[in-house]
Amino acid sequence: MHELKLLNIGILSWITFLPVLGMVVVLLLPKDKEKQIKWTSLGFVFVQLVLCVVAFALFNNSMPGINKLDSMQFVEKFKWIDVSGFTWTNRIIIEYFMAVDGISMPMVLLTGIISFIAVLASFKTTGVDKALKGYFALLLLLDTGMMGTFVTLDFFMFFIFWEIMLLPMYFLIGIWGGPRKIYAAIKFFLYTLFGSAFILVVMLALYFSSKDVTTGVHTFNMISLMDPANYIPGSLLAGSLTTARLLAYVALFIGFAIKVPIFPFHTWLPDAHVEALTPISVLLAGVLLKIGTYGMLRISFTIFTDATIYIAYALAVFGMINIVYGSLCAMAQSDFKKLIAYSSIAHMGYVVLGMSSLTTQGITGAVFQMFNHGTITAMLFLIVGVLYDRAHTRDLDSFGGLANKMPKYFGIMIVAFFAALGLPGLSGFISEALAFLGAFSVPSLRVITLISTLGIVLTAAYMLWTLQKLFYGDLPEKWSGLTDISGRELATLIPLAVIVIFLGVYPSPMLNTMSTSVNQLVDLISKSTNLPIMGW
């Protein structure tokens, strides 16, 4: 086990709970001290980002993790809740268990980057000034919820962090959102709560079906739950490929699919994006959606390995639908933000397709696409926000001829748009190519993969169409006073553009981080099902 402590506190605890400490400090500040509130919030997420970069730099790529405790990194593990004396069970132990491997480490770095960008983008965003202190406090709490889901390996703690995200996002949309903010916030809340109920049921079923062989106590420990030896013979989820295990997998799929979102659980997302402020859309698309696919990889794929391969074809079909349907919906939009929202649904389809292949190439592409999509879609929503803050409209048909009026804005948008459509040399191309290669290598998925490639053409169509609408032709007289992108706005976009270009040219640092863990995950599924993954 690889550990790293600061002041005798593990680095993952610092990374996770620094925003909560920042939230407390912000709440103690007078509400009229707006500059102090903003800079205090930014300071805490900046320190969090620095710690994320340090952890990423110190990460040992050769340690596989996944189901091996001794090869997890930055481990923090101790008893959090220890209760005994109940008649229906001898003892309840819930662990404070944090660690990372090659699948979670990229997501930790992504969350640190996007949280910092979102706080910085909030400095001048229209609408933030209403209840400023509450806004930044909730933003910091949301940061902790997101980060916690990526670093915990106790299912009970995972569920707590999963639920923590629900409350701040509900208020951030419902209080600071657009004209239909209440509708969008309630829809987001109900969809997510519905999915959480399924996850909770499976979590409890796993707990009562398992006992750690070393302690003889029921467990929420994810690594223990991956080992068939820890299941009580004759219990609900014991055995291999039983009806109960298939139903449990489907229940988890629904819970995680809502968050991704996967069709037909996607309808909350466009409404939430359209009504949310730009920084909230950045967090929602940049990080929150990834928690759904991460949950599948971390929990569904590892604990229910038998059901994973049994349902993999259906998962590929869902990925294909997301890609094609999301792209077609994006083409039909005249609202700039809603177009990007539907494109986000389509690009998460590449993640699902790559995961469904159960190959090293496909899952590597999926995890890499999770990171790349987070940075690219953050750029896209920030770009929408720049235009909306000036023009107060997102109607694409209202614009034209902005290339000469806003040349810097045009240049940064070119990078983001071409990254989104998968241009070679930018990060989106590498991850999408790996996802397609992994899926196509499975004979039974070749037709689905070929159909899914339509997404590449459709994405190019609506992205280039959007560029034409915005930047070419004659500039309407009413936009003659528009100013180009500001230095603060460039400060949020340029770091993301640098990441997109760097990983497009030299993706090895990120691919090397995840490769050993992905191989371990594929090996775990292959061995537990006694089936050759490559050919199914």
Protein backbone atom coordinates (compact mmCIF):
# COMPACT_ATOMS: atom_id res chain seq x y z
CA MET A 1 0.00 0.00 0.00
CA HIS A 2 1.25 3.47 -0.95
CA GLU A 3 0.50 6.19 1.64
CA LEU A 4 1.09 9.94 1.72
CA LYS A 5 0.26 12.13 4.73
CA LEU A 6 0.39 15.84 5.54
CA LEU A 7 0.23 16.73 9.26
CA ASN A 8 -0.60 13.06 9.87
CA ILE A 9 -3.70 13.34 7.66
CA GLY A 10 -3.82 11.43 4.38
CA ILE A 11 -3.58 13.46 1.17
CA LEU A 12 -6.91 12.10 -0.10
CA SER A 13 -8.66 13.42 3.02
CA TRP A 14 -7.09 16.82 2.41
CA ILE A 15 -8.14 16.77 -1.24
CA THR A 16 -11.69 15.73 -0.37
CA PHE A 17 -12.45 17.89 2.65
CA LEU A 18 -10.51 21.09 1.95
CA PRO A 19 -13.56 22.52 0.14
CA VAL A 20 -15.71 21.83 3.23
CA LEU A 21 -13.19 23.73 5.33
CA GLY A 22 -13.39 26.50 2.75
CA MET A 23 -17.19 26.42 2.96
CA VAL A 24 -17.04 26.95 6.73
CA VAL A 25 -14.67 29.90 6.32
CA VAL A 26 -16.88 31.43 3.61
CA LEU A 27 -19.97 31.10 5.80
CA LEU A 28 -18.16 32.92 8.62
CA LEU A 29 -17.32 35.90 6.40
CA PRO A 30 -19.71 38.89 6.32
CA LYS A 31 -22.01 38.69 3.31
CA ASP A 32 -20.99 42.16 2.08
CA LYS A 33 -17.33 41.10 1.76
CA GLU A 34 -17.78 39.83 -1.77
CA LYS A 35 -14.12 39.93 -2.82
CA GLN A 36 -13.04 38.00 0.27
CA ILE A 37 -15.73 35.38 -0.34
CA LYS A 38 -14.64 34.88 -3.95
CA TRP A 39 -10.90 34.79 -3.30
CA THR A 40 -11.24 32.58 -0.22
CA SER A 41 -13.21 30.04 -2.27
CA LEU A 42 -10.67 30.21 -5.07
CA GLY A 43 -7.80 29.82 -2.61
CA PHE A 44 -9.16 26.61 -1.14
CA VAL A 45 -9.85 24.98 -4.52
CA PHE A 46 -6.43 26.11 -5.74
CA VAL A 47 -4.74 24.30 -2.85
CA GLN A 48 -6.94 21.29 -3.60
CA LEU A 49 -5.82 21.39 -7.24
CA VAL A 50 -2.15 21.59 -6.21
CA LEU A 51 -2.60 18.50 -4.02
CA CYS A 52 -4.32 16.68 -6.91
CA VAL A 53 -1.35 17.48 -9.17
CA VAL A 54 1.07 16.29 -6.48
CA ALA A 55 -0.85 13.02 -6.07
CA PHE A 56 -0.91 12.52 -9.84
CA ALA A 57 2.86 13.20 -10.07
CA LEU A 58 3.62 10.72 -7.25
CA PHE A 59 1.25 8.05 -8.57
CA ASN A 60 2.98 4.73 -9.29
CA ASN A 61 1.78 3.49 -12.69
CA SER A 62 2.93 -0.08 -12.05
CA MET A 63 0.51 -0.75 -9.17
CA PRO A 64 -2.75 -2.26 -10.52
CA GLY A 65 -5.17 -1.65 -7.65
CA ILE A 66 -8.79 -2.63 -8.54
CA ASN A 67 -9.23 -5.71 -6.30
CA LYS A 68 -5.80 -5.71 -4.65
CA LEU A 69 -5.57 -3.71 -1.42
CA ASP A 70 -1.78 -3.96 -1.29
CA SER A 71 -1.46 -2.20 -4.63
CA MET A 72 -3.92 0.65 -3.96
CA GLN A 73 -2.27 4.03 -3.47
CA PHE A 74 -2.52 6.81 -0.86
CA VAL A 75 -4.51 4.42 1.34
CA GLU A 76 -6.39 5.69 4.38
CA LYS A 77 -8.25 2.92 6.18
CA PHE A 78 -9.65 2.71 9.70
CA LYS A 79 -12.91 1.88 11.50
CA TRP A 80 -15.32 4.78 11.25
CA ILE A 81 -18.47 3.25 12.78
CA ASP A 82 -18.26 0.16 15.02
CA VAL A 83 -21.53 -0.89 16.68
CA SER A 84 -22.33 -4.21 18.35
CA GLY A 85 -25.16 -5.66 20.47
CA PHE A 86 -28.01 -5.88 17.98
CA THR A 87 -30.05 -9.08 17.99
CA TRP A 88 -30.20 -9.38 14.19
CA THR A 89 -26.48 -9.15 13.71
CA ASN A 90 -23.46 -9.33 15.95
CA ARG A 91 -21.64 -6.26 14.77
CA ILE A 92 -21.72 -3.42 12.26
CA ILE A 93 -18.43 -2.03 10.98
CA ILE A 94 -18.27 0.83 8.48
CA GLU A 95 -14.80 1.82 7.41
CA TYR A 96 -13.29 5.14 6.50
CA PHE A 97 -11.56 3.76 3.43
CA MET A 98 -9.97 6.01 0.83
CA ALA A 99 -7.52 5.01 -1.90
CA VAL A 100 -6.95 5.45 -5.62
CA ASP A 101 -5.76 3.40 -8.57
CA GLY A 102 -5.34 4.04 -12.29
CA ILE A 103 -9.07 4.37 -12.90
CA SER A 104 -9.81 6.86 -10.11
CA MET A 105 -6.61 8.94 -10.28
CA PRO A 106 -7.47 10.65 -13.62
CA MET A 107 -10.92 11.48 -12.24
CA VAL A 108 -9.41 13.02 -9.10
CA LEU A 109 -7.20 15.26 -11.25
CA LEU A 110 -10.15 16.14 -13.50
CA THR A 111 -12.32 17.11 -10.52
CA GLY A 112 -9.57 19.34 -9.13
CA ILE A 113 -9.11 21.10 -12.48
CA ILE A 114 -12.80 21.61 -13.26
CA SER A 115 -13.67 22.75 -9.72
CA PHE A 116 -10.96 25.40 -9.86
CA ILE A 117 -12.12 26.57 -13.29
CA ALA A 118 -15.77 26.69 -12.13
CA VAL A 119 -14.95 28.84 -9.08
CA LEU A 120 -12.83 31.19 -11.19
CA ALA A 121 -15.58 31.42 -13.83
CA SER A 122 -18.06 32.38 -11.09
CA PHE A 123 -16.26 35.67 -10.36
CA LYS A 124 -18.09 37.64 -13.07
CA THR A 125 -20.91 35.31 -14.17
CA THR A 126 -24.28 37.07 -14.50
CA GLY A 127 -26.62 36.01 -11.70
CA VAL A 128 -24.04 34.89 -9.12
CA ASP A 129 -24.34 38.12 -7.12
CA LYS A 130 -27.69 37.00 -5.71
CA ALA A 131 -26.85 35.44 -2.31
CA LEU A 132 -23.17 35.29 -3.19
CA LYS A 133 -22.03 33.66 0.05
CA GLY A 134 -24.56 30.85 -0.24
CA TYR A 135 -23.57 30.25 -3.86
CA PHE A 136 -19.88 29.74 -3.14
CA ALA A 137 -20.59 27.70 -0.01
CA LEU A 138 -22.77 25.29 -2.00
CA LEU A 139 -20.21 25.17 -4.80
CA LEU A 140 -17.53 24.06 -2.34
CA LEU A 141 -19.82 21.45 -0.79
CA LEU A 142 -20.56 20.08 -4.26
CA ASP A 143 -16.80 19.84 -4.87
CA THR A 144 -16.39 17.62 -1.80
CA GLY A 145 -19.27 15.37 -2.86
CA MET A 146 -17.81 14.86 -6.31
CA MET A 147 -14.28 14.24 -5.11
CA GLY A 148 -15.41 11.84 -2.40
CA THR A 149 -17.07 9.45 -4.83
CA PHE A 150 -13.79 9.00 -6.70
CA VAL A 151 -11.56 8.30 -3.71
CA THR A 152 -13.67 6.09 -1.42
CA LEU A 153 -13.62 2.29 -1.53
CA ASP A 154 -16.34 1.74 1.06
CA PHE A 155 -19.80 1.41 -0.54
CA PHE A 156 -21.48 3.16 2.43
CA MET A 157 -19.16 6.16 2.12
CA PHE A 158 -19.59 6.16 -1.65
CA PHE A 159 -23.35 6.42 -1.19
CA ILE A 160 -22.96 9.28 1.30
CA PHE A 161 -20.84 11.29 -1.13
CA TRP A 162 -23.24 10.39 -3.97
CA GLU A 163 -26.11 11.89 -1.96
CA ILE A 164 -24.10 14.92 -0.82
CA MET A 165 -23.90 16.03 -4.48
CA LEU A 166 -27.68 16.07 -4.79
CA LEU A 167 -28.47 18.87 -2.34
CA PRO A 168 -26.06 21.62 -3.49
CA MET A 169 -26.76 20.99 -7.17
CA TYR A 170 -30.52 21.21 -6.51
CA PHE A 171 -30.15 24.64 -4.90
CA LEU A 172 -27.50 25.89 -7.35
CA ILE A 173 -29.97 25.29 -10.18
CA GLY A 174 -33.15 26.15 -8.28
CA ILE A 175 -31.97 29.47 -6.79
CA TRP A 176 -29.44 30.83 -9.30
CA GLY A 177 -30.86 29.29 -12.50
CA GLY A 178 -32.88 30.67 -15.40
CA PRO A 179 -36.62 31.26 -15.90
CA ARG A 180 -37.54 27.55 -15.57
CA LYS A 181 -35.09 26.89 -12.77
CA ILE A 182 -37.59 25.33 -10.34
CA TYR A 183 -38.79 22.83 -12.93
CA ALA A 184 -35.22 21.91 -13.91
CA ALA A 185 -34.06 21.60 -10.29
CA ILE A 186 -36.97 19.39 -9.22
CA LYS A 187 -36.56 17.22 -12.32
CA PHE A 188 -32.86 16.76 -11.58
CA PHE A 189 -33.62 15.99 -7.92
CA LEU A 190 -36.33 13.42 -8.64
CA TYR A 191 -34.37 11.61 -11.35
CA THR A 192 -31.24 11.38 -9.20
CA LEU A 193 -33.17 10.38 -6.09
CA PHE A 194 -34.94 7.67 -8.08
CA GLY A 195 -31.59 6.26 -9.17
CA SER A 196 -30.21 6.51 -5.64
CA ALA A 197 -32.99 4.27 -4.35
CA PHE A 198 -31.85 1.46 -6.67
CA ILE A 199 -28.23 1.87 -5.59
CA LEU A 200 -29.24 1.83 -1.90
CA VAL A 201 -31.18 -1.43 -2.29
CA VAL A 202 -28.23 -3.16 -3.96
CA MET A 203 -25.81 -1.79 -1.37
CA LEU A 204 -27.88 -3.28 1.46
CA ALA A 205 -28.32 -6.58 -0.39
CA LEU A 206 -24.54 -6.84 -0.84
CA TYR A 207 -23.98 -6.03 2.82
CA PHE A 208 -26.28 -8.76 4.14
CA SER A 209 -25.05 -11.30 1.57
CA SER A 210 -21.38 -10.96 2.50
CA LYS A 211 -19.07 -11.43 5.45
CA ASP A 212 -15.39 -10.62 5.45
CA VAL A 213 -13.62 -13.96 5.94
CA THR A 214 -10.96 -12.32 8.12
CA THR A 215 -13.37 -10.61 10.56
CA GLY A 216 -16.60 -12.58 10.15
CA VAL A 217 -18.53 -9.31 9.94
CA HIS A 218 -20.83 -8.00 7.19
CA THR A 219 -18.95 -5.52 5.03
CA PHE A 220 -19.35 -2.51 2.74
CA ASN A 221 -15.68 -2.77 1.71
CA MET A 222 -15.67 -2.77 -2.10
CA ILE A 223 -12.51 -4.85 -2.37
CA SER A 224 -13.98 -7.48 -0.05
CA LEU A 225 -17.22 -7.47 -2.07
CA MET A 226 -15.21 -8.32 -5.21
CA ASP A 227 -14.10 -11.65 -3.69
CA PRO A 228 -16.66 -14.51 -4.06
CA ALA A 229 -15.17 -16.14 -0.93
CA ASN A 230 -16.65 -13.37 1.18
CA TYR A 231 -20.27 -14.21 0.28
CA ILE A 232 -22.40 -16.26 2.69
CA PRO A 233 -23.39 -19.57 1.04
CA GLY A 234 -27.08 -19.54 0.19
CA SER A 235 -27.43 -15.76 0.63
CA LEU A 236 -29.29 -13.61 -1.88
CA LEU A 237 -26.29 -12.51 -3.96
CA ALA A 238 -24.05 -15.55 -3.48
CA GLY A 239 -23.20 -17.73 -6.45
CA SER A 240 -22.59 -16.89 -10.07
CA LEU A 241 -25.01 -15.40 -12.61
CA THR A 242 -28.12 -15.97 -10.50
CA THR A 243 -31.36 -14.11 -11.21
CA ALA A 244 -30.79 -12.02 -8.08
CA ARG A 245 -27.33 -10.97 -9.24
CA LEU A 246 -28.65 -10.03 -12.69
CA LEU A 247 -31.43 -7.96 -11.11
CA ALA A 248 -28.91 -6.30 -8.80
CA TYR A 249 -26.72 -5.42 -11.79
CA VAL A 250 -29.72 -3.95 -13.64
CA ALA A 251 -30.68 -1.92 -10.56
CA LEU A 252 -27.16 -0.50 -10.32
CA PHE A 253 -27.21 0.19 -14.05
CA ILE A 254 -30.38 2.27 -13.72
CA GLY A 255 -28.91 4.23 -10.81
CA PHE A 256 -25.68 4.99 -12.64
CA ALA A 257 -27.30 5.42 -16.08
CA ILE A 258 -29.42 8.31 -14.82
CA LYS A 259 -26.27 10.17 -13.83
CA VAL A 260 -24.40 9.53 -17.13
CA PRO A 261 -27.12 10.04 -18.55
CA ILE A 262 -27.97 7.10 -20.80
CA PHE A 263 -31.08 7.06 -23.00
CA PRO A 264 -33.95 6.96 -21.96
CA PHE A 265 -32.91 8.43 -18.57
CA HIS A 266 -31.41 11.55 -20.16
CA THR A 267 -34.27 14.05 -20.27
CA TRP A 268 -33.26 15.88 -17.08
CA LEU A 269 -29.90 16.93 -18.51
CA PRO A 270 -30.84 19.47 -21.24
CA ASP A 271 -33.25 21.23 -18.86
CA ALA A 272 -30.64 21.36 -16.10
CA HIS A 273 -27.98 22.74 -18.43
CA VAL A 274 -30.19 25.38 -20.03
CA GLU A 275 -31.35 26.74 -16.66
CA ALA A 276 -28.06 26.44 -14.75
CA LEU A 277 -25.45 29.19 -14.64
CA THR A 278 -22.35 28.61 -16.78
CA PRO A 279 -20.04 27.45 -13.91
CA ILE A 280 -22.68 24.96 -12.75
CA SER A 281 -23.02 23.58 -16.27
CA VAL A 282 -19.23 23.24 -16.34
CA LEU A 283 -19.29 21.11 -13.17
CA LEU A 284 -22.34 19.16 -14.26
CA ALA A 285 -20.94 18.14 -17.64
CA GLY A 286 -17.27 18.18 -16.68
CA VAL A 287 -17.46 15.97 -13.59
CA LEU A 288 -20.93 14.83 -12.47
CA LEU A 289 -21.70 12.82 -15.59
CA LYS A 290 -18.45 10.89 -15.18
CA ILE A 291 -19.52 9.66 -11.75
CA GLY A 292 -22.13 7.47 -13.45
CA THR A 293 -19.68 5.66 -15.70
CA TYR A 294 -17.09 5.57 -12.93
CA GLY A 295 -19.64 3.88 -10.65
CA MET A 296 -20.21 1.22 -13.31
CA LEU A 297 -16.49 0.52 -13.62
CA ARG A 298 -15.73 0.65 -9.89
CA ILE A 299 -18.79 -1.24 -8.58
CA SER A 300 -20.81 -3.00 -11.29
CA PHE A 301 -17.89 -4.32 -13.35
CA THR A 302 -15.86 -5.52 -10.37
CA ILE A 303 -18.50 -6.89 -7.98
CA PHE A 304 -20.86 -8.30 -10.63
CA THR A 305 -18.29 -9.56 -13.12
CA ASP A 306 -20.58 -12.44 -14.18
CA ALA A 307 -23.49 -10.15 -14.99
CA THR A 308 -21.19 -7.63 -16.67
CA ILE A 309 -20.25 -9.91 -19.54
CA TYR A 310 -23.81 -11.26 -19.76
CA ILE A 311 -25.26 -7.77 -20.30
CA ALA A 312 -22.32 -6.24 -22.20
CA TYR A 313 -24.08 -6.40 -25.58
CA ALA A 314 -27.07 -4.48 -24.22
CA LEU A 315 -24.66 -1.90 -22.78
CA ALA A 316 -23.14 -1.47 -26.26
CA VAL A 317 -26.61 -0.88 -27.72
CA PHE A 318 -27.26 1.84 -25.15
CA GLY A 319 -23.93 3.44 -26.05
CA MET A 320 -24.82 3.39 -29.75
CA ILE A 321 -28.22 4.97 -29.07
CA ASN A 322 -26.63 7.71 -26.99
CA ILE A 323 -24.17 8.52 -29.76
CA VAL A 324 -26.63 8.64 -32.66
CA TYR A 325 -29.66 10.00 -30.79
CA GLY A 326 -27.66 12.65 -28.93
CA SER A 327 -26.02 13.82 -32.15
CA LEU A 328 -29.32 14.04 -34.03
CA CYS A 329 -30.90 15.99 -31.18
CA ALA A 330 -27.92 18.37 -31.15
CA MET A 331 -28.38 19.03 -34.87
CA ALA A 332 -31.98 20.12 -34.24
CA GLN A 333 -31.12 22.81 -31.66
CA SER A 334 -31.01 26.55 -32.18
CA ASP A 335 -30.23 27.20 -28.50
CA PHE A 336 -26.42 27.16 -28.24
CA LYS A 337 -26.37 25.71 -24.72
CA LYS A 338 -28.93 23.00 -25.43
CA LEU A 339 -26.89 21.97 -28.49
CA ILE A 340 -23.81 21.47 -26.30
CA ALA A 341 -25.94 19.60 -23.73
CA TYR A 342 -27.10 17.05 -26.31
CA SER A 343 -23.58 16.76 -27.71
CA SER A 344 -22.50 15.84 -24.17
CA ILE A 345 -25.01 12.98 -24.15
CA ALA A 346 -23.59 11.77 -27.47
CA HIS A 347 -19.98 11.91 -26.32
CA MET A 348 -20.74 10.00 -23.14
CA GLY A 349 -22.03 7.31 -25.50
CA TYR A 350 -18.43 6.75 -26.63
CA VAL A 351 -17.54 6.03 -23.00
CA VAL A 352 -20.36 3.49 -22.68
CA LEU A 353 -19.45 1.82 -25.99
CA GLY A 354 -15.80 1.48 -25.01
CA MET A 355 -16.73 0.04 -21.61
CA SER A 356 -19.05 -2.52 -23.18
CA SER A 357 -16.19 -4.08 -25.15
CA LEU A 358 -14.59 -5.40 -21.93
CA THR A 359 -11.22 -5.08 -23.68
CA THR A 360 -8.14 -3.22 -22.52
CA GLN A 361 -8.29 -0.89 -25.53
CA GLY A 362 -11.99 -0.16 -25.14
CA ILE A 363 -11.99 0.49 -21.39
CA THR A 364 -8.78 2.55 -21.65
CA GLY A 365 -10.49 4.63 -24.34
CA ALA A 366 -13.57 4.95 -22.12
CA VAL A 367 -11.64 6.20 -19.06
CA PHE A 368 -9.54 8.52 -21.23
CA GLN A 369 -12.71 9.82 -22.89
CA MET A 370 -14.16 10.53 -19.44
CA PHE A 371 -11.20 12.80 -18.73
CA ASN A 372 -11.11 14.35 -22.20
CA HIS A 373 -14.84 14.95 -22.33
CA GLY A 374 -14.59 16.68 -18.97
CA THR A 375 -12.04 19.20 -20.24
CA ILE A 376 -13.57 19.66 -23.71
CA THR A 377 -17.17 20.08 -22.58
CA ALA A 378 -16.04 22.49 -19.84
CA MET A 379 -14.50 24.62 -22.59
CA LEU A 380 -17.69 24.44 -24.65
CA PHE A 381 -19.96 25.58 -21.81
CA LEU A 382 -17.56 28.36 -20.85
CA ILE A 383 -17.61 29.50 -24.48
CA VAL A 384 -21.41 29.59 -24.42
CA GLY A 385 -21.25 31.63 -21.20
CA VAL A 386 -18.89 34.21 -22.72
CA LEU A 387 -21.35 34.95 -25.52
CA TYR A 388 -24.43 34.86 -23.28
CA ASP A 389 -22.94 37.30 -20.74
CA ARG A 390 -22.54 39.84 -23.58
CA ALA A 391 -25.58 39.23 -25.78
CA HIS A 392 -28.05 37.76 -23.22
CA THR A 393 -29.27 35.31 -25.82
CA ARG A 394 -28.20 31.83 -26.93
CA ASP A 395 -30.18 31.80 -30.18
CA LEU A 396 -27.73 30.75 -32.89
CA ASP A 397 -29.92 32.29 -35.60
CA SER A 398 -29.40 35.73 -34.05
CA PHE A 399 -25.67 35.83 -34.72
CA GLY A 400 -23.24 35.89 -37.63
CA GLY A 401 -19.98 37.54 -38.62
CA LEU A 402 -18.37 37.37 -35.17
CA ALA A 403 -14.99 36.15 -36.48
CA ASN A 404 -13.66 39.68 -37.08
CA LYS A 405 -15.47 41.19 -34.11
CA MET A 406 -14.23 38.62 -31.56
CA PRO A 407 -11.05 37.05 -33.05
CA LYS A 408 -9.67 35.71 -29.73
CA TYR A 409 -13.03 34.15 -28.93
CA PHE A 410 -13.10 32.62 -32.42
CA GLY A 411 -9.63 31.14 -31.96
CA ILE A 412 -10.36 29.46 -28.63
CA MET A 413 -13.67 28.15 -29.95
CA ILE A 414 -11.91 26.51 -32.89
CA VAL A 415 -9.79 24.46 -30.47
CA ALA A 416 -12.81 23.37 -28.42
CA PHE A 417 -15.04 22.55 -31.39
CA PHE A 418 -12.43 20.58 -33.30
CA ALA A 419 -11.51 18.68 -30.14
CA ALA A 420 -15.18 17.80 -29.70
CA LEU A 421 -15.49 16.46 -33.24
CA GLY A 422 -12.38 14.31 -32.77
CA LEU A 423 -9.77 16.04 -34.92
CA PRO A 424 -6.40 14.21 -34.88
CA GLY A 425 -3.87 16.11 -32.80
CA LEU A 426 -6.44 16.96 -30.11
CA SER A 427 -7.29 14.79 -27.11
CA GLY A 428 -10.78 13.74 -28.18
CA PHE A 429 -9.43 11.83 -31.16
CA ILE A 430 -7.25 9.47 -29.12
CA SER A 431 -9.92 8.42 -26.65
CA GLU A 432 -12.65 7.98 -29.28
CA ALA A 433 -10.31 5.97 -31.49
CA LEU A 434 -9.41 3.62 -28.62
CA ALA A 435 -13.09 3.17 -27.71
CA PHE A 436 -13.95 2.27 -31.32
CA LEU A 437 -10.94 -0.01 -31.71
CA GLY A 438 -11.81 -1.87 -28.53
CA ALA A 439 -15.46 -2.29 -29.50
CA PHE A 440 -14.68 -3.32 -33.09
CA SER A 441 -12.23 -5.99 -31.87
CA VAL A 442 -15.22 -7.88 -30.40
CA PRO A 443 -16.92 -9.69 -33.33
CA SER A 444 -20.42 -9.41 -31.88
CA LEU A 445 -20.09 -5.63 -31.53
CA ARG A 446 -18.86 -4.79 -35.02
CA VAL A 447 -22.22 -3.80 -36.47
CA ILE A 448 -23.00 -1.66 -33.43
CA THR A 449 -19.57 -0.04 -33.70
CA LEU A 450 -20.06 0.74 -37.39
CA ILE A 451 -23.43 2.34 -36.72
CA SER A 452 -21.89 4.33 -33.87
CA THR A 453 -19.31 5.85 -36.22
CA LEU A 454 -22.20 7.89 -37.65
CA GLY A 455 -21.71 10.01 -34.55
CA ILE A 456 -18.40 11.25 -35.96
CA VAL A 457 -20.08 12.55 -39.11
CA LEU A 458 -23.05 14.01 -37.24
CA THR A 459 -20.80 15.74 -34.72
CA ALA A 460 -18.78 17.33 -37.50
CA ALA A 461 -22.03 18.46 -39.14
CA TYR A 462 -23.53 20.27 -36.14
CA MET A 463 -20.24 21.68 -34.90
CA LEU A 464 -19.31 23.15 -38.29
CA TRP A 465 -22.90 24.36 -38.75
CA THR A 466 -22.66 26.17 -35.40
CA LEU A 467 -19.36 27.78 -36.37
CA GLN A 468 -20.93 28.98 -39.61
CA LYS A 469 -23.95 30.42 -37.80
CA LEU A 470 -21.83 32.32 -35.29
CA PHE A 471 -18.80 33.53 -37.18
CA TYR A 472 -19.46 33.76 -40.90
CA GLY A 473 -21.66 36.10 -42.90
CA ASP A 474 -22.56 39.66 -41.99
CA LEU A 475 -22.48 40.96 -38.43
CA PRO A 476 -25.97 42.14 -37.33
CA GLU A 477 -25.96 45.80 -36.36
CA LYS A 478 -27.18 45.08 -32.82
CA TRP A 479 -23.95 43.18 -32.07
CA SER A 480 -21.60 45.94 -33.20
CA GLY A 481 -20.81 46.77 -29.58
CA LEU A 482 -19.77 43.26 -28.53
CA THR A 483 -16.34 43.04 -26.93
CA ASP A 484 -13.85 40.23 -27.37
CA ILE A 485 -13.12 37.65 -24.69
CA SER A 486 -11.58 39.12 -21.53
CA GLY A 487 -8.39 38.16 -19.73
CA ARG A 488 -10.28 36.49 -16.88
CA GLU A 489 -12.31 34.44 -19.33
CA LEU A 490 -9.15 33.44 -21.16
CA ALA A 491 -7.68 32.37 -17.80
CA THR A 492 -10.45 29.77 -17.50
CA LEU A 493 -10.18 28.57 -21.09
CA ILE A 494 -6.48 28.57 -21.95
CA PRO A 495 -5.45 25.95 -19.33
CA LEU A 496 -8.13 23.62 -20.67
CA ALA A 497 -7.01 24.28 -24.26
CA VAL A 498 -3.41 23.47 -23.29
CA ILE A 499 -4.52 20.16 -21.75
CA VAL A 500 -6.57 19.29 -24.84
CA ILE A 501 -3.66 19.99 -27.19
CA PHE A 502 -1.00 18.37 -24.98
CA LEU A 503 -2.94 15.11 -24.52
CA GLY A 504 -3.78 15.09 -28.22
CA VAL A 505 -0.10 15.21 -29.14
CA TYR A 506 1.31 13.25 -26.20
CA PRO A 507 -1.36 11.14 -24.41
CA SER A 508 1.13 8.78 -22.75
CA PRO A 509 1.12 10.38 -19.25
CA MET A 510 -2.61 9.77 -18.88
CA LEU A 511 -2.67 6.41 -20.71
CA ASN A 512 0.23 5.10 -18.63
CA THR A 513 -1.57 6.11 -15.44
CA MET A 514 -4.60 3.96 -16.22
CA SER A 515 -3.20 1.06 -18.28
CA THR A 516 -2.10 -1.27 -15.44
CA SER A 517 -5.40 -0.87 -13.58
CA VAL A 518 -7.44 -1.38 -16.74
CA ASN A 519 -5.52 -4.58 -17.49
CA GLN A 520 -6.23 -5.75 -13.95
CA LEU A 521 -9.95 -5.01 -14.37
CA VAL A 522 -10.15 -6.92 -17.66
CA ASP A 523 -8.23 -9.81 -16.10
CA LEU A 524 -10.61 -9.85 -13.12
CA ILE A 525 -13.67 -10.10 -15.38
CA SER A 526 -12.05 -12.73 -17.60
CA LYS A 527 -10.95 -14.99 -14.76
CA SER A 528 -14.15 -14.77 -12.74
CA THR A 529 -16.35 -15.67 -15.70
CA ASN A 530 -14.00 -18.25 -17.23
CA LEU A 531 -14.69 -16.70 -20.62
CA PRO A 532 -12.22 -15.21 -23.14
CA ILE A 533 -13.02 -11.51 -23.15
CA MET A 534 -11.67 -10.72 -26.62
CA GLY A 535 -14.07 -12.99 -28.45
CA TRP A 536 -16.81 -13.23 -25.83
